[in-house]
Amino acid sequence: MTISLRNLPQEVEKAILETSRREGISLNKATIRLLEAQLRRPARNSDFEEFRGAWSNAEADAFDAALAEMRQVEPADWESAG
């Protein structure tokens, strides 16, 4: 199959050119390689990446402090019942 692409975003063009130069392959092969790599990526949101950096350090510290009591291990809870 042959596809013509027009008006590529600058970052896409740059990625194709860099891949082509770095790997010493044609622009066509570089484009195919980048497309195939995208297909192999895990589904978006599988690692909660969109939440990274969503809280300030102060907000994260406040959340950790609020959970501190829940993180305490009570030895009696781990004793066997028999």
PDB file of N, CA and C in Angstrom:
ATOM      1  N   MET A   1       0.852  -1.173   0.000  1.00  0.00           N
ATOM      2  CA  MET A   1       0.000   0.000   0.000  1.00  0.00           C
ATOM      3  C   MET A   1       0.894   1.230   0.000  1.00  0.00           C
ATOM      4  N   THR A   2       0.479   2.224  -0.699  1.00  0.00           N
ATOM      5  CA  THR A   2       1.198   3.495  -0.768  1.00  0.00           C
ATOM      6  C   THR A   2       0.305   4.583  -0.194  1.00  0.00           C
ATOM      7  N   ILE A   3       0.889   5.405   0.664  1.00  0.00           N
ATOM      8  CA  ILE A   3       0.162   6.512   1.280  1.00  0.00           C
ATOM      9  C   ILE A   3       0.997   7.772   1.116  1.00  0.00           C
ATOM     10  N   SER A   4       0.352   8.861   0.769  1.00  0.00           N
ATOM     11  CA  SER A   4       1.008  10.167   0.748  1.00  0.00           C
ATOM     12  C   SER A   4       0.535  10.937   1.962  1.00  0.00           C
ATOM     13  N   LEU A   5       1.468  11.495   2.693  1.00  0.00           N
ATOM     14  CA  LEU A   5       1.121  12.284   3.872  1.00  0.00           C
ATOM     15  C   LEU A   5       1.479  13.741   3.620  1.00  0.00           C
ATOM     16  N   ARG A   6       0.560  14.621   3.929  1.00  0.00           N
ATOM     17  CA  ARG A   6       0.797  16.045   3.767  1.00  0.00           C
ATOM     18  C   ARG A   6       0.611  16.738   5.106  1.00  0.00           C
ATOM     19  N   ASN A   7       1.261  17.852   5.219  1.00  0.00           N
ATOM     20  CA  ASN A   7       1.112  18.710   6.410  1.00  0.00           C
ATOM     21  C   ASN A   7       1.440  17.969   7.699  1.00  0.00           C
ATOM     22  N   LEU A   8       2.546  17.222   7.682  1.00  0.00           N
ATOM     23  CA  LEU A   8       2.969  16.539   8.908  1.00  0.00           C
ATOM     24  C   LEU A   8       3.305  17.569   9.980  1.00  0.00           C
ATOM     25  N   PRO A   9       2.897  17.322  11.203  1.00  0.00           N
ATOM     26  CA  PRO A   9       3.324  18.216  12.286  1.00  0.00           C
ATOM     27  C   PRO A   9       4.858  18.203  12.371  1.00  0.00           C
ATOM     28  N   GLN A  10       5.418  19.306  12.780  1.00  0.00           N
ATOM     29  CA  GLN A  10       6.872  19.461  12.815  1.00  0.00           C
ATOM     30  C   GLN A  10       7.538  18.376  13.670  1.00  0.00           C
ATOM     31  N   GLU A  11       6.930  18.013  14.797  1.00  0.00           N
ATOM     32  CA  GLU A  11       7.543  17.007  15.665  1.00  0.00           C
ATOM     33  C   GLU A  11       7.527  15.626  15.018  1.00  0.00           C
ATOM     34  N   VAL A  12       6.528  15.342  14.189  1.00  0.00           N
ATOM     35  CA  VAL A  12       6.465  14.067  13.470  1.00  0.00           C
ATOM     36  C   VAL A  12       7.558  14.030  12.408  1.00  0.00           C
ATOM     37  N   GLU A  13       7.673  15.100  11.653  1.00  0.00           N
ATOM     38  CA  GLU A  13       8.712  15.188  10.625  1.00  0.00           C
ATOM     39  C   GLU A  13      10.096  15.036  11.246  1.00  0.00           C
ATOM     40  N   LYS A  14      10.301  15.703  12.369  1.00  0.00           N
ATOM     41  CA  LYS A  14      11.593  15.628  13.055  1.00  0.00           C
ATOM     42  C   LYS A  14      11.891  14.202  13.503  1.00  0.00           C
ATOM     43  N   ALA A  15      10.895  13.501  14.044  1.00  0.00           N
ATOM     44  CA  ALA A  15      11.098  12.120  14.497  1.00  0.00           C
ATOM     45  C   ALA A  15      11.462  11.208  13.335  1.00  0.00           C
ATOM     46  N   ILE A  16      10.800  11.401  12.206  1.00  0.00           N
ATOM     47  CA  ILE A  16      11.092  10.582  11.018  1.00  0.00           C
ATOM     48  C   ILE A  16      12.514  10.859  10.538  1.00  0.00           C
ATOM     49  N   LEU A  17      12.871  12.127  10.419  1.00  0.00           N
ATOM     50  CA  LEU A  17      14.205  12.490   9.954  1.00  0.00           C
ATOM     51  C   LEU A  17      15.289  11.972  10.899  1.00  0.00           C
ATOM     52  N   GLU A  18      15.084  12.129  12.207  1.00  0.00           N
ATOM     53  CA  GLU A  18      16.073  11.668  13.187  1.00  0.00           C
ATOM     54  C   GLU A  18      16.227  10.149  13.138  1.00  0.00           C
ATOM     55  N   THR A  19      15.112   9.438  13.023  1.00  0.00           N
ATOM     56  CA  THR A  19      15.172   7.978  12.941  1.00  0.00           C
ATOM     57  C   THR A  19      15.912   7.553  11.680  1.00  0.00           C
ATOM     58  N   SER A  20      15.609   8.201  10.585  1.00  0.00           N
ATOM     59  CA  SER A  20      16.263   7.894   9.310  1.00  0.00           C
ATOM     60  C   SER A  20      17.775   8.100   9.401  1.00  0.00           C
ATOM     61  N   ARG A  21      18.184   9.231   9.930  1.00  0.00           N
ATOM     62  CA  ARG A  21      19.621   9.533  10.046  1.00  0.00           C
ATOM     63  C   ARG A  21      20.310   8.612  11.039  1.00  0.00           C
ATOM     64  N   ARG A  22      19.697   8.426  12.201  1.00  0.00           N
ATOM     65  CA  ARG A  22      20.304   7.621  13.264  1.00  0.00           C
ATOM     66  C   ARG A  22      20.494   6.173  12.837  1.00  0.00           C
ATOM     67  N   GLU A  23      19.505   5.626  12.139  1.00  0.00           N
ATOM     68  CA  GLU A  23      19.547   4.214  11.779  1.00  0.00           C
ATOM     69  C   GLU A  23      20.043   3.975  10.356  1.00  0.00           C
ATOM     70  N   GLY A  24      20.302   5.063   9.629  1.00  0.00           N
ATOM     71  CA  GLY A  24      20.804   4.935   8.269  1.00  0.00           C
ATOM     72  C   GLY A  24      19.820   4.248   7.336  1.00  0.00           C
ATOM     73  N   ILE A  25      18.544   4.584   7.483  1.00  0.00           N
ATOM     74  CA  ILE A  25      17.496   3.983   6.664  1.00  0.00           C
ATOM     75  C   ILE A  25      16.728   5.077   5.923  1.00  0.00           C
ATOM     76  N   SER A  26      15.944   4.666   4.936  1.00  0.00           N
ATOM     77  CA  SER A  26      15.167   5.631   4.159  1.00  0.00           C
ATOM     78  C   SER A  26      14.082   6.274   5.012  1.00  0.00           C
ATOM     79  N   LEU A  27      13.558   7.392   4.542  1.00  0.00           N
ATOM     80  CA  LEU A  27      12.453   8.046   5.239  1.00  0.00           C
ATOM     81  C   LEU A  27      11.242   7.130   5.301  1.00  0.00           C
ATOM     82  N   ASN A  28      11.005   6.374   4.230  1.00  0.00           N
ATOM     83  CA  ASN A  28       9.892   5.435   4.202  1.00  0.00           C
ATOM     84  C   ASN A  28      10.043   4.376   5.297  1.00  0.00           C
ATOM     85  N   LYS A  29      11.223   3.781   5.373  1.00  0.00           N
ATOM     86  CA  LYS A  29      11.452   2.756   6.402  1.00  0.00           C
ATOM     87  C   LYS A  29      11.368   3.354   7.803  1.00  0.00           C
ATOM     88  N   ALA A  30      11.886   4.559   7.976  1.00  0.00           N
ATOM     89  CA  ALA A  30      11.823   5.212   9.285  1.00  0.00           C
ATOM     90  C   ALA A  30      10.372   5.462   9.690  1.00  0.00           C
ATOM     91  N   THR A  31       9.556   5.890   8.741  1.00  0.00           N
ATOM     92  CA  THR A  31       8.142   6.136   9.024  1.00  0.00           C
ATOM     93  C   THR A  31       7.441   4.843   9.422  1.00  0.00           C
ATOM     94  N   ILE A  32       7.700   3.774   8.667  1.00  0.00           N
ATOM     95  CA  ILE A  32       7.093   2.475   8.986  1.00  0.00           C
ATOM     96  C   ILE A  32       7.555   1.999  10.362  1.00  0.00           C
ATOM     97  N   ARG A  33       8.832   2.145  10.656  1.00  0.00           N
ATOM     98  CA  ARG A  33       9.361   1.713  11.958  1.00  0.00           C
ATOM     99  C   ARG A  33       8.680   2.464  13.100  1.00  0.00           C
ATOM    100  N   LEU A  34       8.508   3.776  12.933  1.00  0.00           N
ATOM    101  CA  LEU A  34       7.853   4.564  13.978  1.00  0.00           C
ATOM    102  C   LEU A  34       6.379   4.175  14.137  1.00  0.00           C
ATOM    103  N   LEU A  35       5.705   3.910  13.038  1.00  0.00           N
ATOM    104  CA  LEU A  35       4.304   3.474  13.114  1.00  0.00           C
ATOM    105  C   LEU A  35       4.189   2.111  13.807  1.00  0.00           C
ATOM    106  N   GLU A  36       5.071   1.183  13.443  1.00  0.00           N
ATOM    107  CA  GLU A  36       5.046  -0.140  14.078  1.00  0.00           C
ATOM    108  C   GLU A  36       5.344  -0.050  15.567  1.00  0.00           C
ATOM    109  N   ALA A  37       6.285   0.808  15.935  1.00  0.00           N
ATOM    110  CA  ALA A  37       6.605   0.987  17.354  1.00  0.00           C
ATOM    111  C   ALA A  37       5.399   1.513  18.116  1.00  0.00           C
ATOM    112  N   GLN A  38       4.653   2.395  17.497  1.00  0.00           N
ATOM    113  CA  GLN A  38       3.447   2.940  18.136  1.00  0.00           C
ATOM    114  C   GLN A  38       2.411   1.847  18.366  1.00  0.00           C
ATOM    115  N   LEU A  39       2.295   0.911  17.435  1.00  0.00           N
ATOM    116  CA  LEU A  39       1.333  -0.181  17.579  1.00  0.00           C
ATOM    117  C   LEU A  39       1.692  -1.121  18.723  1.00  0.00           C
ATOM    118  N   ARG A  40       2.973  -1.235  19.019  1.00  0.00           N
ATOM    119  CA  ARG A  40       3.421  -2.133  20.093  1.00  0.00           C
ATOM    120  C   ARG A  40       3.361  -1.502  21.476  1.00  0.00           C
ATOM    121  N   ARG A  41       3.093  -0.218  21.531  1.00  0.00           N
ATOM    122  CA  ARG A  41       3.030   0.454  22.836  1.00  0.00           C
ATOM    123  C   ARG A  41       1.834  -0.052  23.629  1.00  0.00           C
ATOM    124  N   PRO A  42       1.977  -0.122  24.951  1.00  0.00           N
ATOM    125  CA  PRO A  42       0.817  -0.525  25.756  1.00  0.00           C
ATOM    126  C   PRO A  42      -0.311   0.490  25.627  1.00  0.00           C
ATOM    127  N   ALA A  43      -1.492   0.057  25.910  1.00  0.00           N
ATOM    128  CA  ALA A  43      -2.652   0.941  25.835  1.00  0.00           C
ATOM    129  C   ALA A  43      -2.424   2.168  26.712  1.00  0.00           C
ATOM    130  N   ARG A  44      -2.871   3.293  26.233  1.00  0.00           N
ATOM    131  CA  ARG A  44      -2.730   4.527  27.000  1.00  0.00           C
ATOM    132  C   ARG A  44      -3.458   4.387  28.330  1.00  0.00           C
ATOM    133  N   ASN A  45      -2.941   5.054  29.328  1.00  0.00           N
ATOM    134  CA  ASN A  45      -3.514   5.068  30.671  1.00  0.00           C
ATOM    135  C   ASN A  45      -3.215   3.792  31.452  1.00  0.00           C
ATOM    136  N   SER A  46      -2.452   2.858  30.875  1.00  0.00           N
ATOM    137  CA  SER A  46      -2.191   1.616  31.592  1.00  0.00           C
ATOM    138  C   SER A  46      -1.278   1.831  32.784  1.00  0.00           C
ATOM    139  N   ASP A  47      -0.530   2.918  32.809  1.00  0.00           N
ATOM    140  CA  ASP A  47       0.371   3.172  33.925  1.00  0.00           C
ATOM    141  C   ASP A  47       0.040   4.477  34.656  1.00  0.00           C
ATOM    142  N   PHE A  48      -1.127   5.013  34.412  1.00  0.00           N
ATOM    143  CA  PHE A  48      -1.608   6.243  35.054  1.00  0.00           C
ATOM    144  C   PHE A  48      -0.690   7.433  34.789  1.00  0.00           C
ATOM    145  N   GLU A  49      -0.003   7.413  33.631  1.00  0.00           N
ATOM    146  CA  GLU A  49       0.935   8.471  33.288  1.00  0.00           C
ATOM    147  C   GLU A  49       0.279   9.845  33.270  1.00  0.00           C
ATOM    148  N   GLU A  50      -1.005   9.887  32.908  1.00  0.00           N
ATOM    149  CA  GLU A  50      -1.663  11.193  32.835  1.00  0.00           C
ATOM    150  C   GLU A  50      -1.790  11.864  34.195  1.00  0.00           C
ATOM    151  N   PHE A  51      -1.587  11.105  35.281  1.00  0.00           N
ATOM    152  CA  PHE A  51      -1.685  11.677  36.620  1.00  0.00           C
ATOM    153  C   PHE A  51      -0.337  12.127  37.169  1.00  0.00           C
ATOM    154  N   ARG A  52       0.758  11.761  36.493  1.00  0.00           N
ATOM    155  CA  ARG A  52       2.084  12.115  36.978  1.00  0.00           C
ATOM    156  C   ARG A  52       2.202  13.625  37.031  1.00  0.00           C
ATOM    157  N   GLY A  53       2.634  14.128  38.166  1.00  0.00           N
ATOM    158  CA  GLY A  53       2.813  15.558  38.307  1.00  0.00           C
ATOM    159  C   GLY A  53       1.527  16.328  38.527  1.00  0.00           C
ATOM    160  N   ALA A  54       0.418  15.623  38.753  1.00  0.00           N
ATOM    161  CA  ALA A  54      -0.856  16.302  38.925  1.00  0.00           C
ATOM    162  C   ALA A  54      -0.937  17.015  40.267  1.00  0.00           C
ATOM    163  N   TRP A  55      -0.226  16.497  41.258  1.00  0.00           N
ATOM    164  CA  TRP A  55      -0.228  17.123  42.576  1.00  0.00           C
ATOM    165  C   TRP A  55       1.081  17.868  42.797  1.00  0.00           C
ATOM    166  N   SER A  56       0.977  18.930  43.563  1.00  0.00           N
ATOM    167  CA  SER A  56       2.197  19.603  43.999  1.00  0.00           C
ATOM    168  C   SER A  56       2.823  18.746  45.095  1.00  0.00           C
ATOM    169  N   ASN A  57       4.060  19.037  45.459  1.00  0.00           N
ATOM    170  CA  ASN A  57       4.709  18.297  46.547  1.00  0.00           C
ATOM    171  C   ASN A  57       3.930  18.454  47.849  1.00  0.00           C
ATOM    172  N   ALA A  58       3.410  19.644  48.083  1.00  0.00           N
ATOM    173  CA  ALA A  58       2.645  19.890  49.308  1.00  0.00           C
ATOM    174  C   ALA A  58       1.367  19.044  49.333  1.00  0.00           C
ATOM    175  N   GLU A  59       0.690  18.937  48.181  1.00  0.00           N
ATOM    176  CA  GLU A  59      -0.528  18.121  48.112  1.00  0.00           C
ATOM    177  C   GLU A  59      -0.206  16.640  48.325  1.00  0.00           C
ATOM    178  N   ALA A  60       0.889  16.169  47.736  1.00  0.00           N
ATOM    179  CA  ALA A  60       1.290  14.771  47.910  1.00  0.00           C
ATOM    180  C   ALA A  60       1.653  14.501  49.363  1.00  0.00           C
ATOM    181  N   ASP A  61       2.350  15.431  50.000  1.00  0.00           N
ATOM    182  CA  ASP A  61       2.715  15.270  51.412  1.00  0.00           C
ATOM    183  C   ASP A  61       1.475  15.238  52.299  1.00  0.00           C
ATOM    184  N   ALA A  62       0.494  16.081  52.008  1.00  0.00           N
ATOM    185  CA  ALA A  62      -0.747  16.106  52.785  1.00  0.00           C
ATOM    186  C   ALA A  62      -1.501  14.784  52.624  1.00  0.00           C
ATOM    187  N   PHE A  63      -1.513  14.241  51.419  1.00  0.00           N
ATOM    188  CA  PHE A  63      -2.174  12.956  51.173  1.00  0.00           C
ATOM    189  C   PHE A  63      -1.473  11.845  51.946  1.00  0.00           C
ATOM    190  N   ASP A  64      -0.142  11.818  51.872  1.00  0.00           N
ATOM    191  CA  ASP A  64       0.615  10.808  52.623  1.00  0.00           C
ATOM    192  C   ASP A  64       0.365  10.923  54.124  1.00  0.00           C
ATOM    193  N   ALA A  65       0.306  12.148  54.631  1.00  0.00           N
ATOM    194  CA  ALA A  65       0.054  12.344  56.069  1.00  0.00           C
ATOM    195  C   ALA A  65      -1.337  11.848  56.443  1.00  0.00           C
ATOM    196  N   ALA A  66      -2.318  12.068  55.574  1.00  0.00           N
ATOM    197  CA  ALA A  66      -3.682  11.620  55.854  1.00  0.00           C
ATOM    198  C   ALA A  66      -3.768  10.092  55.887  1.00  0.00           C
ATOM    199  N   LEU A  67      -2.904   9.421  55.142  1.00  0.00           N
ATOM    200  CA  LEU A  67      -2.927   7.960  55.107  1.00  0.00           C
ATOM    201  C   LEU A  67      -1.984   7.302  56.114  1.00  0.00           C
ATOM    202  N   ALA A  68      -1.214   8.096  56.826  1.00  0.00           N
ATOM    203  CA  ALA A  68      -0.198   7.551  57.728  1.00  0.00           C
ATOM    204  C   ALA A  68      -0.791   6.571  58.735  1.00  0.00           C
ATOM    205  N   GLU A  69      -1.927   6.905  59.312  1.00  0.00           N
ATOM    206  CA  GLU A  69      -2.539   6.020  60.309  1.00  0.00           C
ATOM    207  C   GLU A  69      -2.970   4.695  59.688  1.00  0.00           C
ATOM    208  N   MET A  70      -3.469   4.740  58.466  1.00  0.00           N
ATOM    209  CA  MET A  70      -3.909   3.514  57.793  1.00  0.00           C
ATOM    210  C   MET A  70      -2.743   2.608  57.416  1.00  0.00           C
ATOM    211  N   ARG A  71      -1.575   3.160  57.361  1.00  0.00           N
ATOM    212  CA  ARG A  71      -0.396   2.379  56.981  1.00  0.00           C
ATOM    213  C   ARG A  71       0.267   1.697  58.171  1.00  0.00           C
ATOM    214  N   GLN A  72      -0.244   1.935  59.342  1.00  0.00           N
ATOM    215  CA  GLN A  72       0.317   1.311  60.542  1.00  0.00           C
ATOM    216  C   GLN A  72      -0.121  -0.151  60.615  1.00  0.00           C
ATOM    217  N   VAL A  73       0.816  -1.015  60.921  1.00  0.00           N
ATOM    218  CA  VAL A  73       0.515  -2.446  61.049  1.00  0.00           C
ATOM    219  C   VAL A  73       0.288  -2.738  62.530  1.00  0.00           C
ATOM    220  N   GLU A  74      -0.854  -3.357  62.815  1.00  0.00           N
ATOM    221  CA  GLU A  74      -1.186  -3.761  64.177  1.00  0.00           C
ATOM    222  C   GLU A  74      -0.809  -5.227  64.323  1.00  0.00           C
ATOM    223  N   PRO A  75       0.140  -5.557  65.193  1.00  0.00           N
ATOM    224  CA  PRO A  75       0.566  -6.952  65.361  1.00  0.00           C
ATOM    225  C   PRO A  75      -0.591  -7.898  65.678  1.00  0.00           C
ATOM    226  N   ALA A  76      -1.553  -7.428  66.427  1.00  0.00           N
ATOM    227  CA  ALA A  76      -2.685  -8.287  66.792  1.00  0.00           C
ATOM    228  C   ALA A  76      -3.484  -8.715  65.567  1.00  0.00           C
ATOM    229  N   ASP A  77      -3.473  -7.900  64.529  1.00  0.00           N
ATOM    230  CA  ASP A  77      -4.214  -8.256  63.320  1.00  0.00           C
ATOM    231  C   ASP A  77      -3.560  -9.412  62.576  1.00  0.00           C
ATOM    232  N   TRP A  78      -2.312  -9.704  62.897  1.00  0.00           N
ATOM    233  CA  TRP A  78      -1.575 -10.739  62.170  1.00  0.00           C
ATOM    234  C   TRP A  78      -1.394 -12.015  62.987  1.00  0.00           C
ATOM    235  N   GLU A  79      -1.910 -12.029  64.209  1.00  0.00           N
ATOM    236  CA  GLU A  79      -1.809 -13.243  65.038  1.00  0.00           C
ATOM    237  C   GLU A  79      -2.813 -14.267  64.537  1.00  0.00           C
ATOM    238  N   SER A  80      -2.420 -15.520  64.599  1.00  0.00           N
ATOM    239  CA  SER A  80      -3.360 -16.544  64.116  1.00  0.00           C
ATOM    240  C   SER A  80      -4.491 -16.731  65.111  1.00  0.00           C
ATOM    241  N   ALA A  81      -5.605 -17.097  64.570  1.00  0.00           N
ATOM    242  CA  ALA A  81      -6.828 -17.204  65.368  1.00  0.00           C
ATOM    243  C   ALA A  81      -6.995 -18.588  65.959  1.00  0.00           C
ATOM    244  N   GLY A  82      -5.963 -19.341  66.079  1.00  0.00           N
ATOM    245  CA  GLY A  82      -6.262 -20.656  66.548  1.00  0.00           C
ATOM    246  C   GLY A  82      -5.349 -21.242  67.474  1.00  0.00           C
TER     247      GLY A  82
END
